[in-house]
C-alpha atoms as a PDB file:
ATOM      1  CA  MET A   1      -5.975   5.821 -16.231  1.00  0.00           C
ATOM      2  CA  ALA A   2      -4.420   8.099 -18.375  1.00  0.00           C
ATOM      3  CA  LYS A   3      -0.938   8.635 -18.144  1.00  0.00           C
ATOM      4  CA  SER A   4       0.496  11.898 -17.369  1.00  0.00           C
ATOM      5  CA  GLU A   5       4.261  13.544 -17.758  1.00  0.00           C
ATOM      6  CA  GLN A   6       5.715  13.137 -14.298  1.00  0.00           C
ATOM      7  CA  ILE A   7       7.488  16.773 -13.552  1.00  0.00           C
ATOM      8  CA  PRO A   8       9.616  17.106 -10.548  1.00  0.00           C
ATOM      9  CA  VAL A   9       7.502  19.502  -8.078  1.00  0.00           C
ATOM     10  CA  ASN A  10       9.749  22.114  -6.280  1.00  0.00           C
ATOM     11  CA  SER A  11       8.515  22.519  -3.396  1.00  0.00           C
ATOM     12  CA  ASN A  12       9.633  23.340   0.104  1.00  0.00           C
ATOM     13  CA  PHE A  13       8.512  19.834   1.478  1.00  0.00           C
ATOM     14  CA  HIS A  14      11.169  17.323   2.903  1.00  0.00           C
ATOM     15  CA  ARG A  15      11.517  14.103   4.601  1.00  0.00           C
ATOM     16  CA  GLN A  16      10.196  15.881   7.661  1.00  0.00           C
ATOM     17  CA  SER A  17       7.555  17.653   6.433  1.00  0.00           C
ATOM     18  CA  THR A  18       4.137  15.890   7.872  1.00  0.00           C
ATOM     19  CA  GLY A  19       1.015  14.467   5.937  1.00  0.00           C
ATOM     20  CA  GLN A  20      -0.827  17.389   7.015  1.00  0.00           C
ATOM     21  CA  GLU A  21       1.633  20.107   5.692  1.00  0.00           C
ATOM     22  CA  VAL A  22       1.887  18.460   2.539  1.00  0.00           C
ATOM     23  CA  LEU A  23      -2.052  18.664   2.503  1.00  0.00           C
ATOM     24  CA  ALA A  24      -2.580  21.826   3.846  1.00  0.00           C
ATOM     25  CA  ASP A  25      -4.546  23.408   0.648  1.00  0.00           C
ATOM     26  CA  ILE A  26      -6.179  20.330  -0.989  1.00  0.00           C
ATOM     27  CA  ASP A  27      -9.676  19.278  -0.330  1.00  0.00           C
ATOM     28  CA  LEU A  28     -10.375  15.834  -0.558  1.00  0.00           C
ATOM     29  CA  ASN A  29     -14.024  15.837  -0.033  1.00  0.00           C
ATOM     30  CA  GLY A  30     -15.530  12.963  -2.374  1.00  0.00           C
ATOM     31  CA  LYS A  31     -12.349  11.565  -2.952  1.00  0.00           C
ATOM     32  CA  VAL A  32     -11.990   7.948  -1.935  1.00  0.00           C
ATOM     33  CA  ALA A  33      -8.714   6.318  -0.996  1.00  0.00           C
ATOM     34  CA  ILE A  34      -6.917   2.408  -0.169  1.00  0.00           C
ATOM     35  CA  VAL A  35      -4.350   2.600   2.104  1.00  0.00           C
ATOM     36  CA  THR A  36      -2.697  -0.614   2.259  1.00  0.00           C
ATOM     37  CA  GLY A  37      -1.027  -0.586   6.172  1.00  0.00           C
ATOM     38  CA  GLY A  38      -2.847   2.685   6.668  1.00  0.00           C
ATOM     39  CA  TYR A  39      -3.208   1.293  10.570  1.00  0.00           C
ATOM     40  CA  SER A  40       0.585   1.548  11.886  1.00  0.00           C
ATOM     41  CA  GLY A  41       3.514   3.426  11.188  1.00  0.00           C
ATOM     42  CA  ILE A  42       3.614   5.947   7.981  1.00  0.00           C
ATOM     43  CA  GLY A  43       0.285   4.299   6.748  1.00  0.00           C
ATOM     44  CA  LEU A  44      -1.479   5.388   9.755  1.00  0.00           C
ATOM     45  CA  GLU A  45      -0.032   8.713   9.873  1.00  0.00           C
ATOM     46  CA  THR A  46      -1.462   8.714   5.741  1.00  0.00           C
ATOM     47  CA  THR A  47      -4.710   7.673   6.942  1.00  0.00           C
ATOM     48  CA  ARG A  48      -4.974  10.503   9.522  1.00  0.00           C
ATOM     49  CA  ALA A  49      -3.818  12.872   7.095  1.00  0.00           C
ATOM     50  CA  LEU A  50      -6.021  11.700   4.185  1.00  0.00           C
ATOM     51  CA  ALA A  51      -9.365  11.377   6.437  1.00  0.00           C
ATOM     52  CA  ALA A  52      -8.666  14.551   8.069  1.00  0.00           C
ATOM     53  CA  LYS A  53      -9.080  16.371   4.535  1.00  0.00           C
ATOM     54  CA  GLY A  54     -12.103  14.403   3.674  1.00  0.00           C
ATOM     55  CA  ALA A  55     -11.172  11.486   1.817  1.00  0.00           C
ATOM     56  CA  THR A  56     -13.128   8.179   2.510  1.00  0.00           C
ATOM     57  CA  VAL A  57     -10.264   5.866   3.793  1.00  0.00           C
ATOM     58  CA  ILE A  58     -10.145   2.217   3.052  1.00  0.00           C
ATOM     59  CA  VAL A  59      -7.450   0.555   5.063  1.00  0.00           C
ATOM     60  CA  PRO A  60      -6.786  -3.115   4.483  1.00  0.00           C
ATOM     61  CA  ALA A  61      -5.993  -5.194   7.387  1.00  0.00           C
ATOM     62  CA  ARG A  62      -4.640  -8.850   8.133  1.00  0.00           C
ATOM     63  CA  SER A  63      -5.478  -8.013  11.590  1.00  0.00           C
ATOM     64  CA  MET A  64      -8.772  -6.409  11.450  1.00  0.00           C
ATOM     65  CA  GLN A  65      -8.632  -6.135  15.452  1.00  0.00           C
ATOM     66  CA  LYS A  66      -5.408  -4.275  15.280  1.00  0.00           C
ATOM     67  CA  ALA A  67      -6.821  -2.082  12.801  1.00  0.00           C
ATOM     68  CA  THR A  68      -9.989  -0.989  14.236  1.00  0.00           C
ATOM     69  CA  GLU A  69      -7.896  -0.083  17.620  1.00  0.00           C
ATOM     70  CA  ASN A  70      -5.832   1.847  15.629  1.00  0.00           C
ATOM     71  CA  LEU A  71      -7.903   3.422  13.892  1.00  0.00           C
ATOM     72  CA  ALA A  72     -10.741   4.387  16.302  1.00  0.00           C
ATOM     73  CA  ALA A  73      -9.544   7.522  17.232  1.00  0.00           C
ATOM     74  CA  ILE A  74      -9.303   9.202  13.921  1.00  0.00           C
ATOM     75  CA  PRO A  75     -12.069  11.702  12.722  1.00  0.00           C
ATOM     76  CA  GLY A  76     -13.431  11.356   9.602  1.00  0.00           C
ATOM     77  CA  THR A  77     -14.447   8.359   7.750  1.00  0.00           C
ATOM     78  CA  VAL A  78     -12.341   5.427   7.505  1.00  0.00           C
ATOM     79  CA  GLN A  79     -12.976   2.054   7.263  1.00  0.00           C
ATOM     80  CA  THR A  80     -11.703  -1.425   7.307  1.00  0.00           C
ATOM     81  CA  ALA A  81     -11.932  -4.613   5.131  1.00  0.00           C
ATOM     82  CA  THR A  82      -9.850  -8.345   5.332  1.00  0.00           C
ATOM     83  CA  LEU A  83      -6.679  -8.446   3.310  1.00  0.00           C
ATOM     84  CA  ASP A  84      -3.722 -10.257   3.063  1.00  0.00           C
ATOM     85  CA  LEU A  85      -1.123  -9.699   0.525  1.00  0.00           C
ATOM     86  CA  SER A  86       0.854 -12.792   1.330  1.00  0.00           C
ATOM     87  CA  ASP A  87      -2.413 -14.465  -0.360  1.00  0.00           C
ATOM     88  CA  LEU A  88      -3.469 -14.375  -3.494  1.00  0.00           C
ATOM     89  CA  PRO A  89      -6.892 -15.565  -2.912  1.00  0.00           C
ATOM     90  CA  SER A  90      -7.332 -12.909  -0.458  1.00  0.00           C
ATOM     91  CA  VAL A  91      -6.139  -9.706  -2.708  1.00  0.00           C
ATOM     92  CA  TYR A  92      -8.611 -10.883  -5.259  1.00  0.00           C
ATOM     93  CA  ALA A  93     -11.319 -11.152  -2.697  1.00  0.00           C
ATOM     94  CA  PHE A  94     -10.635  -7.897  -1.690  1.00  0.00           C
ATOM     95  CA  ALA A  95     -10.183  -6.360  -4.576  1.00  0.00           C
ATOM     96  CA  HIS A  96     -13.641  -8.370  -6.004  1.00  0.00           C
ATOM     97  CA  GLN A  97     -15.263  -6.331  -3.086  1.00  0.00           C
ATOM     98  CA  MET A  98     -13.975  -2.866  -3.630  1.00  0.00           C
ATOM     99  CA  LYS A  99     -15.295  -3.135  -7.037  1.00  0.00           C
ATOM    100  CA  SER A 100     -18.413  -4.047  -6.215  1.00  0.00           C
ATOM    101  CA  GLU A 101     -18.752  -1.377  -3.399  1.00  0.00           C
ATOM    102  CA  LEU A 102     -16.719   1.840  -4.775  1.00  0.00           C
ATOM    103  CA  SER A 103     -18.027   4.077  -7.922  1.00  0.00           C
ATOM    104  CA  ARG A 104     -14.336   5.274  -7.834  1.00  0.00           C
ATOM    105  CA  LEU A 105     -10.892   5.140  -6.557  1.00  0.00           C
ATOM    106  CA  ASP A 106      -8.823   8.097  -6.375  1.00  0.00           C
ATOM    107  CA  LEU A 107      -5.448   7.045  -5.023  1.00  0.00           C
ATOM    108  CA  LEU A 108      -4.038   3.295  -4.147  1.00  0.00           C
ATOM    109  CA  ILE A 109      -1.444   3.602  -1.713  1.00  0.00           C
ATOM    110  CA  ASN A 110       0.766   0.204  -1.627  1.00  0.00           C
ATOM    111  CA  ASN A 111       2.372   1.045   1.870  1.00  0.00           C
ATOM    112  CA  ALA A 112       2.032  -2.307   3.888  1.00  0.00           C
ATOM    113  CA  GLY A 113       5.479  -4.757   3.974  1.00  0.00           C
ATOM    114  CA  ILE A 114       6.981  -6.959   5.930  1.00  0.00           C
ATOM    115  CA  MET A 115      10.522  -6.982   7.020  1.00  0.00           C
ATOM    116  CA  ALA A 116      13.484  -8.988   7.994  1.00  0.00           C
ATOM    117  CA  ASN A 117      11.222 -12.147   8.510  1.00  0.00           C
ATOM    118  CA  PRO A 118      12.612 -15.535   8.898  1.00  0.00           C
ATOM    119  CA  GLU A 119      12.557 -17.661   6.158  1.00  0.00           C
ATOM    120  CA  THR A 120       9.414 -18.377   4.805  1.00  0.00           C
ATOM    121  CA  ARG A 121       7.850 -19.108   1.500  1.00  0.00           C
ATOM    122  CA  ILE A 122       4.406 -18.295   0.576  1.00  0.00           C
ATOM    123  CA  GLY A 123       1.734 -19.046  -2.399  1.00  0.00           C
ATOM    124  CA  PRO A 124       3.832 -21.125  -4.885  1.00  0.00           C
ATOM    125  CA  GLY A 125       7.037 -20.878  -3.153  1.00  0.00           C
ATOM    126  CA  TRP A 126       7.467 -17.115  -3.214  1.00  0.00           C
ATOM    127  CA  GLU A 127       9.843 -15.971  -0.732  1.00  0.00           C
ATOM    128  CA  SER A 128       7.490 -13.949   1.473  1.00  0.00           C
ATOM    129  CA  GLN A 129       9.276 -10.741   1.539  1.00  0.00           C
ATOM    130  CA  PHE A 130       9.415 -10.648  -2.466  1.00  0.00           C
ATOM    131  CA  GLY A 131       5.825 -12.255  -2.584  1.00  0.00           C
ATOM    132  CA  THR A 132       4.214 -10.044   0.116  1.00  0.00           C
ATOM    133  CA  ASN A 133       5.727  -6.437  -0.576  1.00  0.00           C
ATOM    134  CA  HIS A 134       6.343  -6.638  -4.306  1.00  0.00           C
ATOM    135  CA  LEU A 135       3.989  -9.720  -5.738  1.00  0.00           C
ATOM    136  CA  GLY A 136       0.827  -8.592  -3.282  1.00  0.00           C
ATOM    137  CA  HIS A 137       0.890  -5.187  -4.308  1.00  0.00           C
ATOM    138  CA  PHE A 138       1.370  -5.837  -8.082  1.00  0.00           C
ATOM    139  CA  ALA A 139      -1.701  -8.158  -7.870  1.00  0.00           C
ATOM    140  CA  LEU A 140      -3.300  -5.790  -5.903  1.00  0.00           C
ATOM    141  CA  THR A 141      -2.778  -2.589  -8.472  1.00  0.00           C
ATOM    142  CA  THR A 142      -3.464  -5.138 -11.218  1.00  0.00           C
ATOM    143  CA  ALA A 143      -7.171  -6.178 -10.219  1.00  0.00           C
ATOM    144  CA  LEU A 144      -7.823  -2.455  -9.036  1.00  0.00           C
ATOM    145  CA  MET A 145      -6.945  -1.268 -12.191  1.00  0.00           C
ATOM    146  CA  PRO A 146     -10.194  -1.142 -14.090  1.00  0.00           C
ATOM    147  CA  LEU A 147     -11.421   0.667 -11.238  1.00  0.00           C
ATOM    148  CA  LEU A 148      -8.611   3.020 -11.024  1.00  0.00           C
ATOM    149  CA  SER A 149      -9.068   3.621 -14.587  1.00  0.00           C
ATOM    150  CA  SER A 150     -12.402   4.741 -14.534  1.00  0.00           C
ATOM    151  CA  THR A 151     -11.843   7.510 -12.006  1.00  0.00           C
ATOM    152  CA  THR A 152     -10.466  10.748 -13.250  1.00  0.00           C
ATOM    153  CA  GLY A 153      -6.950  11.811 -11.847  1.00  0.00           C
ATOM    154  CA  ALA A 154      -6.641   8.601 -10.208  1.00  0.00           C
ATOM    155  CA  ARG A 155      -2.805   7.723  -8.774  1.00  0.00           C
ATOM    156  CA  VAL A 156      -1.194   4.731  -7.562  1.00  0.00           C
ATOM    157  CA  ILE A 157       1.662   5.518  -5.101  1.00  0.00           C
ATOM    158  CA  SER A 158       3.604   2.322  -4.041  1.00  0.00           C
ATOM    159  CA  LEU A 159       6.294   3.265  -1.142  1.00  0.00           C
ATOM    160  CA  SER A 160       9.686   1.613  -0.840  1.00  0.00           C
ATOM    161  CA  SER A 161      12.959   1.761   1.681  1.00  0.00           C
ATOM    162  CA  THR A 162      16.408   2.540   1.161  1.00  0.00           C
ATOM    163  CA  ALA A 163      16.698  -0.785   1.967  1.00  0.00           C
ATOM    164  CA  HIS A 164      17.213  -1.774  -1.441  1.00  0.00           C
ATOM    165  CA  LYS A 165      20.591  -0.735  -0.938  1.00  0.00           C
ATOM    166  CA  MET A 166      21.462  -3.511   0.992  1.00  0.00           C
ATOM    167  CA  SER A 167      21.149  -6.418  -2.052  1.00  0.00           C
ATOM    168  CA  ASP A 168      20.978  -6.021  -5.802  1.00  0.00           C
ATOM    169  CA  ILE A 169      17.899  -7.937  -7.394  1.00  0.00           C
ATOM    170  CA  ARG A 170      18.838 -11.625  -7.571  1.00  0.00           C
ATOM    171  CA  TRP A 171      17.333 -12.395 -11.202  1.00  0.00           C
ATOM    172  CA  ASP A 172      18.751 -15.921 -11.224  1.00  0.00           C
ATOM    173  CA  ASP A 173      17.161 -16.618  -7.665  1.00  0.00           C
ATOM    174  CA  ILE A 174      14.352 -13.910  -6.935  1.00  0.00           C
ATOM    175  CA  HIS A 175      12.808 -16.320  -3.970  1.00  0.00           C
ATOM    176  CA  PHE A 176      16.199 -16.825  -2.410  1.00  0.00           C
ATOM    177  CA  THR A 177      16.257 -20.624  -2.537  1.00  0.00           C
ATOM    178  CA  ALA A 178      19.728 -21.537  -3.143  1.00  0.00           C
ATOM    179  CA  GLY A 179      22.477 -21.359  -0.484  1.00  0.00           C
ATOM    180  CA  THR A 180      22.238 -19.406   2.658  1.00  0.00           C
ATOM    181  CA  TYR A 181      19.018 -17.004   3.445  1.00  0.00           C
ATOM    182  CA  ASN A 182      19.581 -13.712   4.659  1.00  0.00           C
ATOM    183  CA  LYS A 183      16.701 -11.890   5.597  1.00  0.00           C
ATOM    184  CA  TRP A 184      18.089  -8.592   5.319  1.00  0.00           C
ATOM    185  CA  GLN A 185      18.811  -9.240   1.737  1.00  0.00           C
ATOM    186  CA  ALA A 186      16.026 -10.755   0.540  1.00  0.00           C
ATOM    187  CA  TYR A 187      14.185  -7.533   2.080  1.00  0.00           C
ATOM    188  CA  GLY A 188      16.354  -5.602   0.302  1.00  0.00           C
END
C-alpha cells in the first residue's frame, strides 16, 4: 500500500453528518470492506452506508447470531464471519480466511471495541480493553496487510474515542497490573 500525503479535507461534513450524506457521490461497486463491530452502533450505520453504495461488506463478529439478526434487513452484499479480537488465534484464523477468499480489500474499518468492563485478562495477561481494542486490531491490520497492500488505493480506518482524555498512557503499567483497577482509566 503506497503512502499518500494526508491533506485535511475542507468539507461541509461534521459530527452529525450521516454515512449516506458522506457517500452521496461515491460509487463503491466492486469494492470490498471489512467493518469490525459492523453489526451495532456506528459500525452498523457504516455497514449500511457502504452496502447501499455497492460495496461488499464483511462484518466479523463474536456473536454470529446477533450479527445475522442485526444485518438481515440491510440490502446489498453483507457477509459475516467469525472473529474475536480478544483472541489472537481467532484474529489470525479470520485473516487467513479473508486472504484465501478475497482477491482485494479496499477498506479495513477498525471499529469494534469493548468499554468500561470489569477487570479481565486476555491472552498472555493483557488488560482486556487494551488487548481487544488496540492489540487485537493491530494484529488484524498486520495480518491483513498483504491483501491491503495488493489493492490499489486501499485504506485502513481506525475509530477511537474522546475517552482517551480520561487517562494518560501508563507505559510503566499498560496492562493495569499494579494498584487499584479503574475500568474508565483502562478504557481511556
